[in-house]
């Protein structure tokens, strides 16, 4: 039989497939069936002449919208495809929504973002660290922007000894992106800077568009000095923010990020010095108490006793070593005696001593074991327990003594 699955199982399987196939999509269409329930979420459909697509925008993203969506409005939505299990229908989960005019810029933004991400310009490993105490800071912005005044005010208050150099550039309108890029490229030829801040105040997507241009992104990427991007407000994210070594939500936050509070640093140094002094004093006190305790110990009070005890221990170790050596020698001597007795018992000489003899053919080394191996007239050598005999065979008796007794052959 074919395997049976539940409705939930097939729905979740489809959801997984759609999520993998459409993790990021940008869709253009006309808003219809717009609903704004009390939860703060926004539900609508996007339609064109061929089809319609259900959409849901959660409250966290809907709260960042800079316009009020309307029925019939042409928009561009960015998000991912998901499935709503209770109805078994797929929908677009919208992260960002923009009117069509702005939406075209948004499409360009997403295309450049994807391209630069693929080149590794957003990778954390290529980003430089900001200096702790900068001496010279460059600022790329317009002379007339309020962001510059806010930044300078905070810099004077937090770190008045730091040198700030302005590289003026238009930050909005035609040609602004080229001027910002040119200012960044000019930095190395002017002098040595510890960090550069690229900044402007808030505005619409069109106002901030210079910082979404590729020429600015690549100028930030090749800048030898760490770059802090502080463009727009907290809800704004530009390509410059993504490429920069650090991002600040506002120009004021960039100033606080780059310029440490001198008074706070002095207070921290003084506090550290005081804590170090207390730690050193406490350590000296503990070591002095430890020294006094050692002075009161028996070993330091009467060092001669300590040496005498060590000498006594040495004598004891010598005695134990001599005893152990004597026991080892006695054991070895006993083992040797037993081995010698055993060897003596099995020695051929002991057999001869009991009245036996060893006969060999004259000139041979192997003992004679059979009378048939010699003939009458052969010379033999007979070894006794004490001495040797030279003999000539006059007769042979074959077989055992009981078989051939009295009947020589």
Protein backbone atom coordinates (compact mmCIF):
# COMPACT_ATOMS: atom_id res chain seq x y z
CA UNK A 1 0.00 0.00 0.00
CA UNK A 2 1.08 3.58 -0.60
CA UNK A 3 2.28 5.40 2.60
CA UNK A 4 -0.37 7.63 4.18
CA UNK A 5 0.59 11.13 5.44
CA UNK A 6 -1.40 13.66 7.39
CA UNK A 7 -2.55 17.02 6.07
CA UNK A 8 -0.17 18.74 8.47
CA UNK A 9 2.76 16.69 7.24
CA UNK A 10 2.20 17.48 3.60
CA UNK A 11 1.59 21.16 4.40
CA UNK A 12 4.82 21.48 6.40
CA UNK A 13 6.71 19.68 3.65
CA UNK A 14 5.41 22.16 1.07
CA UNK A 15 6.28 25.04 3.40
CA UNK A 16 9.85 23.79 3.65
CA UNK A 17 10.19 23.46 -0.10
CA UNK A 18 8.81 26.95 -0.74
CA UNK A 19 11.03 28.47 1.94
CA UNK A 20 14.12 26.96 0.36
CA UNK A 21 13.08 27.95 -3.16
CA UNK A 22 12.07 31.56 -2.33
CA UNK A 23 14.10 32.80 0.66
CA UNK A 24 14.29 36.32 -0.78
CA UNK A 25 11.98 37.82 -3.39
CA UNK A 26 11.11 41.35 -4.55
CA UNK A 27 7.57 41.57 -5.94
CA UNK A 28 5.84 44.42 -7.75
CA UNK A 29 2.07 44.67 -7.68
CA UNK A 30 -1.09 46.57 -6.74
CA UNK A 31 -2.43 46.51 -3.17
CA UNK A 32 -5.90 45.03 -2.62
CA UNK A 33 -7.84 43.54 0.32
CA UNK A 34 -5.86 45.73 2.75
CA UNK A 35 -6.55 44.99 6.45
CA UNK A 36 -5.02 46.52 9.60
CA UNK A 37 -6.25 44.60 12.69
CA UNK A 38 -5.56 45.73 16.23
CA UNK A 39 -2.53 43.49 16.48
CA UNK A 40 -0.55 45.99 14.38
CA UNK A 41 0.10 43.47 11.59
CA UNK A 42 -0.86 44.41 8.02
CA UNK A 43 -2.52 41.95 5.64
CA UNK A 44 -3.12 42.58 1.95
CA UNK A 45 -2.84 41.05 -1.51
CA UNK A 46 -0.62 42.03 -4.39
CA UNK A 47 -2.20 41.61 -7.79
CA UNK A 48 -1.54 42.25 -11.44
CA UNK A 49 -3.36 41.29 -14.62
CA UNK A 50 -2.39 37.63 -14.28
CA UNK A 51 -2.61 36.66 -10.60
CA UNK A 52 -2.68 37.74 -6.98
CA UNK A 53 -0.46 36.95 -4.01
CA UNK A 54 -1.48 36.98 -0.33
CA UNK A 55 0.86 39.08 1.84
CA UNK A 56 1.44 39.53 5.58
CA UNK A 57 3.61 42.20 7.20
CA UNK A 58 4.29 41.79 10.91
CA UNK A 59 3.98 44.69 13.30
CA UNK A 60 7.77 45.04 13.83
CA UNK A 61 8.23 45.76 10.12
CA UNK A 62 4.97 47.63 9.58
CA UNK A 63 5.99 50.12 12.29
CA UNK A 64 8.98 51.19 10.17
CA UNK A 65 6.88 52.16 7.12
CA UNK A 66 7.29 55.76 6.02
CA UNK A 67 4.01 55.84 4.13
CA UNK A 68 0.49 54.60 4.59
CA UNK A 69 -0.36 51.76 2.18
CA UNK A 70 -3.59 52.37 0.25
CA UNK A 71 -5.98 50.20 -1.78
CA UNK A 72 -4.96 50.24 -5.44
CA UNK A 73 -1.46 51.62 -4.73
CA UNK A 74 1.41 50.27 -6.83
CA UNK A 75 4.17 49.05 -4.52
CA UNK A 76 7.30 46.90 -4.41
CA UNK A 77 7.40 44.35 -1.58
CA UNK A 78 10.49 42.48 -0.32
CA UNK A 79 10.27 39.28 1.70
CA UNK A 80 10.13 35.49 1.54
CA UNK A 81 7.48 32.90 0.68
CA UNK A 82 5.87 30.92 3.50
CA UNK A 83 2.80 28.74 4.04
CA UNK A 84 -0.08 29.50 6.43
CA UNK A 85 -1.02 25.96 7.62
CA UNK A 86 -4.59 26.63 8.89
CA UNK A 87 -5.69 27.60 5.39
CA UNK A 88 -3.09 25.63 3.49
CA UNK A 89 -2.23 28.71 1.42
CA UNK A 90 1.11 30.23 0.56
CA UNK A 91 1.85 33.92 1.23
CA UNK A 92 4.57 36.52 1.02
CA UNK A 93 5.98 37.54 4.40
CA UNK A 94 6.87 41.18 3.73
CA UNK A 95 9.93 42.71 5.37
CA UNK A 96 9.91 46.00 3.45
CA UNK A 97 7.34 47.85 1.38
CA UNK A 98 7.80 50.91 -0.81
CA UNK A 99 5.64 52.87 -3.27
CA UNK A 100 6.43 52.11 -6.89
CA UNK A 101 8.60 55.18 -7.51
CA UNK A 102 10.64 54.47 -4.43
CA UNK A 103 10.30 50.78 -5.16
CA UNK A 104 12.37 51.12 -8.30
CA UNK A 105 15.19 52.55 -6.20
CA UNK A 106 14.66 49.72 -3.78
CA UNK A 107 15.11 47.21 -6.59
CA UNK A 108 18.40 48.88 -7.51
CA UNK A 109 19.40 48.82 -3.85
CA UNK A 110 18.73 45.09 -3.57
CA UNK A 111 20.59 44.33 -6.80
CA UNK A 112 23.71 46.24 -5.72
CA UNK A 113 23.50 44.76 -2.23
CA UNK A 114 23.46 41.24 -3.68
CA UNK A 115 26.38 42.01 -6.00
CA UNK A 116 28.63 43.52 -3.32
CA UNK A 117 27.75 40.80 -0.84
CA UNK A 118 28.87 38.23 -3.40
CA UNK A 119 32.19 40.07 -3.76
CA UNK A 120 32.75 39.90 0.01
CA UNK A 121 32.59 43.67 0.67
CA UNK A 122 30.29 43.12 3.67
CA UNK A 123 32.42 40.35 5.20
CA UNK A 124 33.32 40.97 8.87
CA UNK A 125 36.90 39.71 8.38
CA UNK A 126 37.78 42.60 6.05
CA UNK A 127 36.57 45.31 8.45
CA UNK A 128 39.11 47.36 10.41
CA UNK A 129 38.97 48.08 14.13
CA UNK A 130 38.45 51.63 15.35
CA UNK A 131 41.31 53.25 17.30
CA UNK A 132 40.85 53.70 21.05
CA UNK A 133 42.36 57.20 21.18
CA UNK A 134 42.28 58.86 17.74
CA UNK A 135 44.51 61.88 17.23
CA UNK A 136 43.27 62.95 13.80
CA UNK A 137 39.73 62.35 12.52
CA UNK A 138 38.47 63.09 9.01
CA UNK A 139 34.82 63.92 8.35
CA UNK A 140 33.22 63.64 4.91
CA UNK A 141 29.98 65.60 4.74
CA UNK A 142 28.49 68.88 3.58
CA UNK A 143 29.62 72.15 5.21
CA UNK A 144 26.02 73.18 5.83
CA UNK A 145 24.61 69.96 7.28
CA UNK A 146 23.39 69.93 10.85
CA UNK A 147 25.08 66.54 11.26
CA UNK A 148 28.50 68.29 11.10
CA UNK A 149 27.61 70.73 13.87
CA UNK A 150 26.29 67.96 16.11
CA UNK A 151 29.45 65.92 15.51
CA UNK A 152 31.80 68.85 16.23
CA UNK A 153 29.91 69.81 19.38
CA UNK A 154 30.24 66.31 20.81
CA UNK A 155 33.90 66.05 19.73
CA UNK A 156 34.79 69.32 21.56
CA UNK A 157 33.03 68.14 24.70
CA UNK A 158 34.40 64.57 24.80
CA UNK A 159 37.90 64.93 23.32
CA UNK A 160 38.92 68.55 22.72
CA UNK A 161 42.57 67.63 21.96
CA UNK A 162 41.61 65.62 18.87
CA UNK A 163 42.21 67.25 15.47
CA UNK A 164 39.15 67.15 13.15
CA UNK A 165 39.52 67.80 9.40
CA UNK A 166 36.51 68.37 7.14
CA UNK A 167 36.51 66.99 3.60
CA UNK A 168 33.49 68.82 2.15
CA UNK A 169 31.21 67.01 -0.28
CA UNK A 170 27.61 67.26 -1.34
CA UNK A 171 25.54 64.57 0.34
CA UNK A 172 22.37 64.84 -1.75
CA UNK A 173 21.46 65.29 -5.38
CA UNK A 174 23.14 64.80 -8.71
CA UNK A 175 26.90 64.26 -8.41
CA UNK A 176 26.87 63.81 -4.62
CA UNK A 177 28.05 60.22 -4.79
CA UNK A 178 31.07 61.17 -6.93
CA UNK A 179 32.05 63.96 -4.51
CA UNK A 180 31.84 61.65 -1.48
CA UNK A 181 33.96 59.04 -3.25
CA UNK A 182 36.50 61.66 -4.34
CA UNK A 183 36.80 62.97 -0.76
CA UNK A 184 37.51 59.46 0.53
CA UNK A 185 40.14 58.87 -2.16
CA UNK A 186 41.78 62.23 -1.26
CA UNK A 187 42.43 61.26 2.37
CA UNK A 188 45.78 59.43 2.01
CA UNK A 189 47.35 62.31 0.06
CA UNK A 190 46.38 64.95 2.64
CA UNK A 191 47.84 63.32 5.74
CA UNK A 192 47.63 60.47 8.20
CA UNK A 193 44.22 60.00 9.77
CA UNK A 194 43.16 57.47 12.40
CA UNK A 195 39.51 57.24 11.36
CA UNK A 196 37.04 58.84 8.94
CA UNK A 197 33.34 59.55 9.50
CA UNK A 198 31.01 59.67 6.49
CA UNK A 199 27.78 61.28 7.60
CA UNK A 200 24.61 63.20 6.85
CA UNK A 201 21.24 63.66 8.55
CA UNK A 202 17.99 61.90 7.90
CA UNK A 203 15.80 62.06 4.83
CA UNK A 204 13.84 60.04 2.33
CA UNK A 205 15.28 57.19 0.31
CA UNK A 206 15.84 59.60 -2.57
CA UNK A 207 17.67 62.03 -0.24
CA UNK A 208 20.01 59.31 1.00
CA UNK A 209 20.51 57.70 -2.38
CA UNK A 210 24.08 58.98 -2.87
CA UNK A 211 25.16 56.55 -0.14
CA UNK A 212 23.58 53.66 -2.05
CA UNK A 213 25.70 54.22 -5.14
CA UNK A 214 28.39 51.73 -6.12
CA UNK A 215 31.07 54.41 -6.48
CA UNK A 216 30.72 55.32 -2.78
CA UNK A 217 30.67 51.68 -1.69
CA UNK A 218 33.91 50.92 -3.50
CA UNK A 219 35.60 54.10 -2.22
CA UNK A 220 34.78 53.05 1.36
CA UNK A 221 36.05 49.52 0.70
CA UNK A 222 39.45 50.69 -0.59
CA UNK A 223 39.92 53.42 2.03
CA UNK A 224 43.04 52.57 4.10
CA UNK A 225 41.55 54.31 7.15
CA UNK A 226 38.71 52.76 9.21
CA UNK A 227 35.39 54.22 8.04
CA UNK A 228 32.36 54.93 10.23
CA UNK A 229 29.10 55.40 8.32
CA UNK A 230 26.45 57.54 10.01
CA UNK A 231 23.81 58.20 7.36
CA UNK A 232 20.20 59.07 8.15
CA UNK A 233 18.37 57.81 11.22
CA UNK A 234 18.29 54.48 13.02
CA UNK A 235 15.69 52.97 10.68
CA UNK A 236 17.76 53.84 7.58
CA UNK A 237 20.23 51.31 6.21
CA UNK A 238 22.39 52.21 3.24
CA UNK A 239 24.97 50.35 1.18
CA UNK A 240 27.58 52.61 2.80
CA UNK A 241 26.52 51.30 6.22
CA UNK A 242 27.03 47.71 5.09
CA UNK A 243 30.49 48.28 3.58
CA UNK A 244 31.84 50.56 6.33
CA UNK A 245 33.98 49.21 9.15
CA UNK A 246 31.42 50.46 11.69
CA UNK A 247 27.90 51.82 11.49
CA UNK A 248 26.30 54.47 13.70
CA UNK A 249 22.56 55.06 13.75
CA UNK A 250 22.97 58.87 13.82
CA UNK A 251 25.79 61.43 13.42
CA UNK A 252 25.70 62.03 17.19
CA UNK A 253 26.16 58.33 17.85
CA UNK A 254 29.09 58.29 15.42
CA UNK A 255 30.75 61.08 17.40
CA UNK A 256 30.30 59.19 20.66
CA UNK A 257 31.63 56.03 19.00
CA UNK A 258 34.78 57.70 17.62
CA UNK A 259 35.59 60.28 20.32
CA UNK A 260 36.07 58.75 23.78
CA UNK A 261 35.03 60.87 26.75
CA UNK A 262 38.32 62.29 28.06
CA UNK A 263 36.93 62.98 31.52
CA UNK A 264 35.60 59.45 31.72
CA UNK A 265 38.96 58.04 30.61
CA UNK A 266 40.79 60.10 33.25
CA UNK A 267 38.33 58.90 35.90
CA UNK A 268 38.84 55.30 34.80
CA UNK A 269 42.63 55.69 34.92
CA UNK A 270 42.47 57.22 38.39
CA UNK A 271 40.15 54.48 39.57
CA UNK A 272 42.44 51.86 38.10
CA UNK A 273 45.45 53.45 39.77
CA UNK A 274 43.66 53.48 43.11
CA UNK A 275 42.58 49.84 42.75
CA UNK A 276 46.13 48.87 41.73
CA UNK A 277 47.55 50.67 44.76
CA UNK A 278 45.12 48.90 47.06
CA UNK A 279 45.94 45.56 45.46
CA UNK A 280 49.70 46.13 45.87
CA UNK A 281 49.28 47.22 49.50
CA UNK A 282 47.11 44.21 50.25
CA UNK A 283 49.63 41.87 48.58
CA UNK A 284 52.51 43.34 50.59
CA UNK A 285 50.50 42.90 53.79
CA UNK A 286 49.72 39.26 53.01
CA UNK A 287 53.35 38.49 52.12
CA UNK A 288 54.57 40.16 55.31
CA UNK A 289 52.15 38.10 57.39
CA UNK A 290 53.33 34.96 55.60
CA UNK A 291 56.97 35.86 56.33
CA UNK A 292 56.22 36.40 60.01
CA UNK A 293 54.47 33.03 60.12
CA UNK A 294 57.53 31.36 58.58
CA UNK A 295 59.79 33.04 61.12
CA UNK A 296 57.75 31.45 63.90
CA UNK A 297 58.02 27.90 62.49
CA UNK A 298 60.30 25.36 64.20
CA UNK A 299 62.39 24.85 61.06
CA UNK A 300 63.46 28.47 60.86
CA UNK A 301 63.64 28.96 64.62
CA UNK A 302 66.06 25.99 65.10
CA UNK A 303 67.62 25.11 61.73
CA UNK A 304 70.24 22.80 63.40
CA UNK A 305 67.43 20.48 64.48
CA UNK A 306 66.23 20.31 60.90
CA UNK A 307 69.71 19.32 59.66
CA UNK A 308 70.14 16.70 62.40
CA UNK A 309 66.77 15.18 61.53
CA UNK A 310 67.78 15.03 57.89
CA UNK A 311 71.09 13.32 58.83
CA UNK A 312 69.18 10.80 60.93
CA UNK A 313 66.86 10.10 58.00
CA UNK A 314 69.93 9.58 55.78
CA UNK A 315 71.42 7.05 58.24
CA UNK A 316 68.12 5.19 58.35
CA UNK A 317 67.93 5.03 54.55
CA UNK A 318 71.55 3.73 54.47
CA UNK A 319 70.74 0.97 56.98
CA UNK A 320 67.65 -0.06 55.09
CA UNK A 321 69.64 -0.15 51.85
CA UNK A 322 72.38 -2.37 53.39
CA UNK A 323 69.80 -4.78 54.82
CA UNK A 324 68.02 -5.02 51.50
CA UNK A 325 71.32 -5.67 49.69
CA UNK A 326 72.27 -8.45 52.17
CA UNK A 327 68.91 -10.11 51.68
CA UNK A 328 69.30 -9.95 47.91
CA UNK A 329 72.82 -11.53 48.08
CA UNK A 330 71.66 -14.33 50.42
CA UNK A 331 68.72 -15.10 48.18
CA UNK A 332 70.94 -15.22 45.09
CA UNK A 333 73.52 -17.45 46.83
CA UNK A 334 70.79 -19.89 47.90
CA UNK A 335 69.35 -20.00 44.39
CA UNK A 336 72.83 -20.63 42.95
CA UNK A 337 73.46 -23.48 45.40
CA UNK A 338 70.21 -25.18 44.50
CA UNK A 339 70.93 -24.82 40.79
CA UNK A 340 74.45 -26.29 41.21
CA UNK A 341 73.05 -29.27 43.14
CA UNK A 342 70.53 -29.92 40.41
CA UNK A 343 73.18 -29.73 37.69
CA UNK A 344 75.46 -32.08 39.67
CA UNK A 345 72.66 -34.62 39.99
CA UNK A 346 72.12 -34.81 36.27
CA UNK A 347 75.83 -34.56 35.29
CA UNK A 348 77.28 -37.54 33.34
CA UNK A 349 80.26 -37.51 35.74
CA UNK A 350 77.93 -38.35 38.61
CA UNK A 351 76.69 -41.36 36.62
CA UNK A 352 80.30 -42.56 36.11
CA UNK A 353 80.94 -42.20 39.82
CA UNK A 354 78.23 -44.78 40.42
CA UNK A 355 80.26 -47.48 38.51
CA UNK A 356 79.25 -46.82 34.92
CA UNK A 357 81.62 -46.15 32.03
CA UNK A 358 81.48 -44.40 28.65
CA UNK A 359 82.94 -46.27 25.65
CA UNK A 360 83.80 -44.58 22.37
CA UNK A 361 85.36 -45.92 19.17
CA UNK A 362 88.96 -44.92 18.90
CA UNK A 363 89.08 -41.41 17.39
CA UNK A 364 85.28 -40.90 17.64
CA UNK A 365 83.39 -38.62 20.01
CA UNK A 366 79.95 -40.27 20.03
CA UNK A 367 79.46 -42.88 22.81
CA UNK A 368 78.88 -46.53 21.79
CA UNK A 369 75.33 -47.69 22.44
CA UNK A 370 75.17 -50.93 20.45
CA UNK A 371 77.67 -53.86 20.41
CA UNK A 372 76.86 -54.41 16.74
CA UNK A 373 78.55 -51.10 15.90
CA UNK A 374 82.05 -52.59 16.58
CA UNK A 375 83.87 -55.70 15.44
CA UNK A 376 86.47 -57.91 16.99
CA UNK A 377 89.87 -56.22 16.91
CA UNK A 378 88.52 -52.61 17.05
CA UNK A 379 90.20 -50.27 19.50
CA UNK A 380 87.89 -48.49 21.96
CA UNK A 381 88.38 -45.80 24.57
CA UNK A 382 86.69 -46.42 27.94
CA UNK A 383 86.19 -43.46 30.27
CA UNK A 384 85.76 -44.18 33.97
CA UNK A 385 84.92 -41.93 36.89
CA UNK A 386 88.69 -41.65 37.44
CA UNK A 387 90.87 -42.25 34.45
CA UNK A 388 90.57 -43.84 31.01
CA UNK A 389 91.23 -47.31 29.51
CA UNK A 390 92.50 -48.29 26.07
CA UNK A 391 90.97 -51.65 25.06
CA UNK A 392 90.71 -54.00 22.08
CA UNK A 393 87.49 -55.82 21.29
CA UNK A 394 88.00 -59.61 21.57
CA UNK A 395 84.39 -60.59 21.54
CA UNK A 396 80.83 -59.04 21.14
CA UNK A 397 77.57 -60.10 22.71
CA UNK A 398 74.45 -58.96 20.87
CA UNK A 399 71.05 -58.36 22.51
CA UNK A 400 70.33 -57.80 26.21
CA UNK A 401 72.21 -59.47 28.99
CA UNK A 402 69.30 -61.81 29.77
CA UNK A 403 68.91 -62.90 26.16
CA UNK A 404 72.57 -63.58 25.36
CA UNK A 405 74.09 -64.59 28.70
CA UNK A 406 76.47 -67.51 28.18
CA UNK A 407 76.02 -67.60 24.40
CA UNK A 408 78.45 -65.19 22.72
CA UNK A 409 78.38 -64.76 18.99
